[in-house]
Amino acid sequence: MENLINQENLEEIREFIEGKIADVPANYILFGAIGSLLLSSYLNKIGKKDASSVIGKLSIPIIAIGLAKYKDFIKTELENHLESKQASEY
């Protein structure tokens, strides 16, 4: 069986994922990550250890994506605020 993720198509996969989540607000992604952590702990509590482990491991990249998008959002808002402040001074 061929390995689907290799160096040749890694950039294409990254662009595909970024294109799909470009319109999703960072808040939704972070809420989804929190939800996946809660679901993981619930599954662990009821004894579904394997499912809990999979869901818990998926939440870490979701948190990273959400934080990266939120950081970009904050940076953009700060730049817009500084530009409007400079425009109002002149």
Protein backbone atom coordinates (compact mmCIF):
# COMPACT_ATOMS: atom_id res chain seq x y z
CA MET A 1 0.00 0.00 0.00
CA GLU A 2 1.33 3.38 -1.01
CA ASN A 3 2.02 6.05 1.59
CA LEU A 4 -0.40 8.91 0.79
CA ILE A 5 1.54 11.59 2.65
CA ASN A 6 5.01 12.15 1.27
CA GLN A 7 7.26 15.12 0.53
CA GLU A 8 5.92 15.57 -3.00
CA ASN A 9 2.29 16.12 -2.03
CA LEU A 10 2.73 17.52 1.49
CA GLU A 11 2.49 21.10 0.20
CA GLU A 12 -0.68 20.26 -1.74
CA ILE A 13 -2.25 18.75 1.38
CA ARG A 14 -1.34 21.82 3.44
CA GLU A 15 -2.87 24.17 0.84
CA PHE A 16 -6.01 22.02 0.65
CA ILE A 17 -6.51 22.10 4.42
CA GLU A 18 -5.82 25.84 4.63
CA GLY A 19 -8.32 26.45 1.82
CA LYS A 20 -11.02 24.48 3.60
CA ILE A 21 -10.63 26.21 6.97
CA ALA A 22 -9.98 29.73 5.64
CA ASP A 23 -13.61 30.80 6.09
CA VAL A 24 -14.11 29.19 9.50
CA PRO A 25 -13.71 31.68 12.36
CA ALA A 26 -11.04 30.91 14.95
CA ASN A 27 -13.64 30.90 17.73
CA TYR A 28 -15.50 27.99 16.11
CA ILE A 29 -12.28 26.00 15.76
CA LEU A 30 -11.34 26.60 19.40
CA PHE A 31 -14.86 25.69 20.58
CA GLY A 32 -14.59 22.51 18.52
CA ALA A 33 -11.29 21.70 20.18
CA ILE A 34 -12.79 22.21 23.63
CA GLY A 35 -15.74 20.03 22.61
CA SER A 36 -13.43 17.27 21.43
CA LEU A 37 -11.55 17.38 24.74
CA LEU A 38 -14.83 17.13 26.65
CA LEU A 39 -16.00 14.27 24.43
CA SER A 40 -12.69 12.50 24.96
CA SER A 41 -12.97 12.75 28.73
CA TYR A 42 -16.60 11.54 28.62
CA LEU A 43 -15.66 8.55 26.48
CA ASN A 44 -12.82 7.76 28.87
CA LYS A 45 -15.21 7.96 31.81
CA ILE A 46 -17.69 5.50 30.30
CA GLY A 47 -14.91 3.04 29.44
CA LYS A 48 -14.37 3.65 25.72
CA LYS A 49 -10.60 4.05 26.09
CA ASP A 50 -9.66 3.58 22.42
CA ALA A 51 -12.21 6.08 21.12
CA SER A 52 -11.23 8.50 23.86
CA SER A 53 -7.59 8.26 22.87
CA VAL A 54 -8.31 8.94 19.18
CA ILE A 55 -10.56 11.93 19.89
CA GLY A 56 -8.09 13.32 22.43
CA LYS A 57 -5.20 13.05 19.98
CA LEU A 58 -7.22 14.85 17.30
CA SER A 59 -7.95 17.77 19.62
CA ILE A 60 -4.30 18.83 19.85
CA PRO A 61 -3.91 19.77 16.15
CA ILE A 62 -7.34 21.42 16.23
CA ILE A 63 -6.19 23.60 19.13
CA ALA A 64 -3.00 24.50 17.26
CA ILE A 65 -4.93 25.49 14.13
CA GLY A 66 -7.41 27.54 16.16
CA LEU A 67 -4.68 29.37 18.04
CA ALA A 68 -2.79 30.13 14.82
CA LYS A 69 -5.94 31.55 13.22
CA TYR A 70 -6.74 33.53 16.36
CA LYS A 71 -3.21 34.96 16.43
CA ASP A 72 -3.60 36.06 12.79
CA PHE A 73 -6.97 37.60 13.61
CA ILE A 74 -5.53 39.58 16.54
CA LYS A 75 -2.59 40.73 14.39
CA THR A 76 -4.92 41.91 11.62
CA GLU A 77 -7.16 43.76 14.07
CA LEU A 78 -4.16 45.46 15.66
CA GLU A 79 -2.83 46.55 12.26
CA ASN A 80 -6.26 47.91 11.28
CA HIS A 81 -6.52 49.80 14.56
CA LEU A 82 -3.06 51.34 14.14
CA GLU A 83 -3.81 52.34 10.54
CA SER A 84 -7.08 54.00 11.50
CA LYS A 85 -5.35 55.78 14.37
CA GLN A 86 -2.62 57.09 12.06
CA ALA A 87 -5.18 58.17 9.46
CA SER A 88 -7.15 60.10 12.07
CA GLU A 89 -4.00 61.92 13.25
CA TYR A 90 -3.34 63.36 9.79
